[in-house]
């Protein structure tokens, strides 16, 4: 009887820890969703990976210095439903992105939308 109680307690504790991890994973608290910033730059890398895709772009700031921005996108599954493919953007592509910037002022953000050099919108959260 004691071992059944122990197993039950462990199972309950593990189930609660999983719920916390899942809900924490889906938090966008690091991003300022009250602000939107438009950036124009060159794709350095696009990572088509779970749980979220990442877009890395080089942006030239007003001082002429190149800043590397890391932008978190949605999952490949969701982006695929929005029309994305893993080769939708490639290194060297010129893009304009709309992002919710990070709250800490770093060179990062949550990707909202992306437009290629021809003016074609690729997709995003919008």
C-alpha atoms as a PDB file:
ATOM      1  CA  UNK A   1       0.000   0.000   0.000  1.00  0.00           C
ATOM      2  CA  UNK A   2       2.849   2.350   0.854  1.00  0.00           C
ATOM      3  CA  UNK A   3       4.493   1.979  -2.537  1.00  0.00           C
ATOM      4  CA  UNK A   4       1.186   2.764  -4.315  1.00  0.00           C
ATOM      5  CA  UNK A   5       0.868   5.983  -2.314  1.00  0.00           C
ATOM      6  CA  UNK A   6       4.452   6.932  -3.139  1.00  0.00           C
ATOM      7  CA  UNK A   7       3.892   6.305  -6.866  1.00  0.00           C
ATOM      8  CA  UNK A   8       0.686   8.362  -6.783  1.00  0.00           C
ATOM      9  CA  UNK A   9       2.416  11.284  -5.055  1.00  0.00           C
ATOM     10  CA  UNK A  10       5.305  11.210  -7.531  1.00  0.00           C
ATOM     11  CA  UNK A  11       2.889  11.065 -10.489  1.00  0.00           C
ATOM     12  CA  UNK A  12       0.926  14.061  -9.183  1.00  0.00           C
ATOM     13  CA  UNK A  13       4.075  16.093  -8.593  1.00  0.00           C
ATOM     14  CA  UNK A  14       5.430  15.280 -12.052  1.00  0.00           C
ATOM     15  CA  UNK A  15       2.162  16.214 -13.706  1.00  0.00           C
ATOM     16  CA  UNK A  16       2.174  19.626 -12.006  1.00  0.00           C
ATOM     17  CA  UNK A  17       5.785  20.285 -12.984  1.00  0.00           C
ATOM     18  CA  UNK A  18       4.927  19.494 -16.615  1.00  0.00           C
ATOM     19  CA  UNK A  19       2.035  21.945 -16.606  1.00  0.00           C
ATOM     20  CA  UNK A  20       4.294  24.679 -15.280  1.00  0.00           C
ATOM     21  CA  UNK A  21       6.967  23.982 -17.878  1.00  0.00           C
ATOM     22  CA  UNK A  22       4.467  24.046 -20.742  1.00  0.00           C
ATOM     23  CA  UNK A  23       2.829  27.279 -19.632  1.00  0.00           C
ATOM     24  CA  UNK A  24       6.209  28.920 -19.030  1.00  0.00           C
ATOM     25  CA  UNK A  25       7.383  27.882 -22.474  1.00  0.00           C
ATOM     26  CA  UNK A  26       4.507  29.685 -24.179  1.00  0.00           C
ATOM     27  CA  UNK A  27       5.052  32.979 -22.376  1.00  0.00           C
ATOM     28  CA  UNK A  28       5.906  36.022 -24.446  1.00  0.00           C
ATOM     29  CA  UNK A  29       6.674  38.042 -21.301  1.00  0.00           C
ATOM     30  CA  UNK A  30      10.164  38.895 -22.576  1.00  0.00           C
ATOM     31  CA  UNK A  31       8.630  40.894 -25.429  1.00  0.00           C
ATOM     32  CA  UNK A  32       6.989  44.311 -25.246  1.00  0.00           C
ATOM     33  CA  UNK A  33       3.702  43.560 -27.005  1.00  0.00           C
ATOM     34  CA  UNK A  34       2.627  47.204 -26.656  1.00  0.00           C
ATOM     35  CA  UNK A  35       5.347  48.271 -29.106  1.00  0.00           C
ATOM     36  CA  UNK A  36       6.160  47.362 -32.682  1.00  0.00           C
ATOM     37  CA  UNK A  37       9.471  48.063 -34.392  1.00  0.00           C
ATOM     38  CA  UNK A  38      10.194  47.839 -38.119  1.00  0.00           C
ATOM     39  CA  UNK A  39      13.672  46.639 -39.107  1.00  0.00           C
ATOM     40  CA  UNK A  40      15.238  46.273 -42.526  1.00  0.00           C
ATOM     41  CA  UNK A  41      18.200  43.978 -42.941  1.00  0.00           C
ATOM     42  CA  UNK A  42      19.788  40.915 -44.452  1.00  0.00           C
ATOM     43  CA  UNK A  43      18.969  37.375 -43.395  1.00  0.00           C
ATOM     44  CA  UNK A  44      21.923  35.768 -41.661  1.00  0.00           C
ATOM     45  CA  UNK A  45      20.158  32.510 -40.756  1.00  0.00           C
ATOM     46  CA  UNK A  46      16.675  31.012 -40.567  1.00  0.00           C
ATOM     47  CA  UNK A  47      16.188  28.107 -38.178  1.00  0.00           C
ATOM     48  CA  UNK A  48      13.146  25.971 -39.023  1.00  0.00           C
ATOM     49  CA  UNK A  49      13.036  24.168 -35.689  1.00  0.00           C
ATOM     50  CA  UNK A  50      10.678  23.249 -32.865  1.00  0.00           C
ATOM     51  CA  UNK A  51       9.404  24.591 -30.617  1.00  0.00           C
ATOM     52  CA  UNK A  52       9.917  27.982 -32.325  1.00  0.00           C
ATOM     53  CA  UNK A  53      11.598  29.076 -35.524  1.00  0.00           C
ATOM     54  CA  UNK A  54      14.289  31.759 -35.326  1.00  0.00           C
ATOM     55  CA  UNK A  55      15.231  34.430 -37.830  1.00  0.00           C
ATOM     56  CA  UNK A  56      18.638  36.052 -37.482  1.00  0.00           C
ATOM     57  CA  UNK A  57      19.133  39.265 -39.444  1.00  0.00           C
ATOM     58  CA  UNK A  58      21.873  41.865 -39.787  1.00  0.00           C
ATOM     59  CA  UNK A  59      20.534  45.407 -39.443  1.00  0.00           C
ATOM     60  CA  UNK A  60      22.609  48.512 -40.128  1.00  0.00           C
ATOM     61  CA  UNK A  61      21.870  51.095 -37.438  1.00  0.00           C
ATOM     62  CA  UNK A  62      21.854  54.886 -38.024  1.00  0.00           C
ATOM     63  CA  UNK A  63      25.560  55.036 -37.033  1.00  0.00           C
ATOM     64  CA  UNK A  64      26.435  52.616 -39.850  1.00  0.00           C
ATOM     65  CA  UNK A  65      27.213  49.721 -37.518  1.00  0.00           C
ATOM     66  CA  UNK A  66      25.758  46.266 -38.197  1.00  0.00           C
ATOM     67  CA  UNK A  67      23.639  44.831 -35.393  1.00  0.00           C
ATOM     68  CA  UNK A  68      22.685  41.159 -35.256  1.00  0.00           C
ATOM     69  CA  UNK A  69      19.026  40.689 -34.346  1.00  0.00           C
ATOM     70  CA  UNK A  70      17.499  37.397 -33.175  1.00  0.00           C
ATOM     71  CA  UNK A  71      13.778  37.142 -33.807  1.00  0.00           C
ATOM     72  CA  UNK A  72      11.589  34.413 -32.377  1.00  0.00           C
ATOM     73  CA  UNK A  73       8.847  33.169 -34.672  1.00  0.00           C
ATOM     74  CA  UNK A  74       6.036  30.670 -34.278  1.00  0.00           C
ATOM     75  CA  UNK A  75       6.441  26.907 -34.576  1.00  0.00           C
ATOM     76  CA  UNK A  76       7.113  25.290 -37.983  1.00  0.00           C
ATOM     77  CA  UNK A  77       3.638  23.738 -37.796  1.00  0.00           C
ATOM     78  CA  UNK A  78       1.891  27.097 -37.397  1.00  0.00           C
ATOM     79  CA  UNK A  79       4.145  28.887 -39.882  1.00  0.00           C
ATOM     80  CA  UNK A  80       3.474  26.116 -42.402  1.00  0.00           C
ATOM     81  CA  UNK A  81      -0.249  26.763 -42.073  1.00  0.00           C
ATOM     82  CA  UNK A  82       0.469  30.445 -42.774  1.00  0.00           C
ATOM     83  CA  UNK A  83       2.206  29.513 -46.021  1.00  0.00           C
ATOM     84  CA  UNK A  84       5.825  29.371 -44.863  1.00  0.00           C
ATOM     85  CA  UNK A  85       8.318  26.725 -45.926  1.00  0.00           C
ATOM     86  CA  UNK A  86      11.713  26.011 -44.423  1.00  0.00           C
ATOM     87  CA  UNK A  87      13.298  27.837 -47.360  1.00  0.00           C
ATOM     88  CA  UNK A  88      10.920  30.842 -47.335  1.00  0.00           C
ATOM     89  CA  UNK A  89      13.878  33.008 -46.348  1.00  0.00           C
ATOM     90  CA  UNK A  90      17.525  32.263 -47.019  1.00  0.00           C
ATOM     91  CA  UNK A  91      20.826  33.801 -45.959  1.00  0.00           C
ATOM     92  CA  UNK A  92      21.468  36.916 -48.024  1.00  0.00           C
ATOM     93  CA  UNK A  93      17.776  37.760 -48.563  1.00  0.00           C
ATOM     94  CA  UNK A  94      16.881  41.406 -47.942  1.00  0.00           C
ATOM     95  CA  UNK A  95      13.852  41.655 -45.654  1.00  0.00           C
ATOM     96  CA  UNK A  96      11.787  44.100 -43.668  1.00  0.00           C
ATOM     97  CA  UNK A  97      10.345  42.729 -40.446  1.00  0.00           C
ATOM     98  CA  UNK A  98       7.813  43.955 -37.935  1.00  0.00           C
ATOM     99  CA  UNK A  99       8.583  42.789 -34.389  1.00  0.00           C
ATOM    100  CA  UNK A 100       7.610  43.216 -30.775  1.00  0.00           C
ATOM    101  CA  UNK A 101      11.004  44.148 -29.292  1.00  0.00           C
ATOM    102  CA  UNK A 102      12.439  42.620 -26.145  1.00  0.00           C
ATOM    103  CA  UNK A 103      11.641  44.449 -22.931  1.00  0.00           C
ATOM    104  CA  UNK A 104      15.329  44.675 -22.010  1.00  0.00           C
ATOM    105  CA  UNK A 105      16.209  46.728 -25.105  1.00  0.00           C
ATOM    106  CA  UNK A 106      18.407  44.020 -26.617  1.00  0.00           C
ATOM    107  CA  UNK A 107      18.614  43.114 -30.280  1.00  0.00           C
ATOM    108  CA  UNK A 108      15.765  40.639 -30.243  1.00  0.00           C
ATOM    109  CA  UNK A 109      12.055  40.383 -30.611  1.00  0.00           C
ATOM    110  CA  UNK A 110       8.986  38.369 -31.469  1.00  0.00           C
ATOM    111  CA  UNK A 111       8.398  38.244 -35.211  1.00  0.00           C
ATOM    112  CA  UNK A 112       5.026  39.643 -36.294  1.00  0.00           C
ATOM    113  CA  UNK A 113       5.465  39.798 -40.059  1.00  0.00           C
ATOM    114  CA  UNK A 114       8.119  39.780 -42.749  1.00  0.00           C
ATOM    115  CA  UNK A 115       8.227  41.312 -46.221  1.00  0.00           C
ATOM    116  CA  UNK A 116      10.771  40.375 -48.873  1.00  0.00           C
ATOM    117  CA  UNK A 117      12.676  42.807 -51.117  1.00  0.00           C
ATOM    118  CA  UNK A 118       9.916  42.688 -53.775  1.00  0.00           C
ATOM    119  CA  UNK A 119       7.304  43.813 -51.243  1.00  0.00           C
ATOM    120  CA  UNK A 120       5.714  40.371 -50.883  1.00  0.00           C
ATOM    121  CA  UNK A 121       4.545  39.593 -47.348  1.00  0.00           C
ATOM    122  CA  UNK A 122       5.729  36.123 -46.306  1.00  0.00           C
ATOM    123  CA  UNK A 123       3.629  35.608 -43.194  1.00  0.00           C
ATOM    124  CA  UNK A 124       3.735  35.846 -39.424  1.00  0.00           C
ATOM    125  CA  UNK A 125       1.397  36.471 -36.526  1.00  0.00           C
ATOM    126  CA  UNK A 126      -0.572  39.218 -38.263  1.00  0.00           C
END
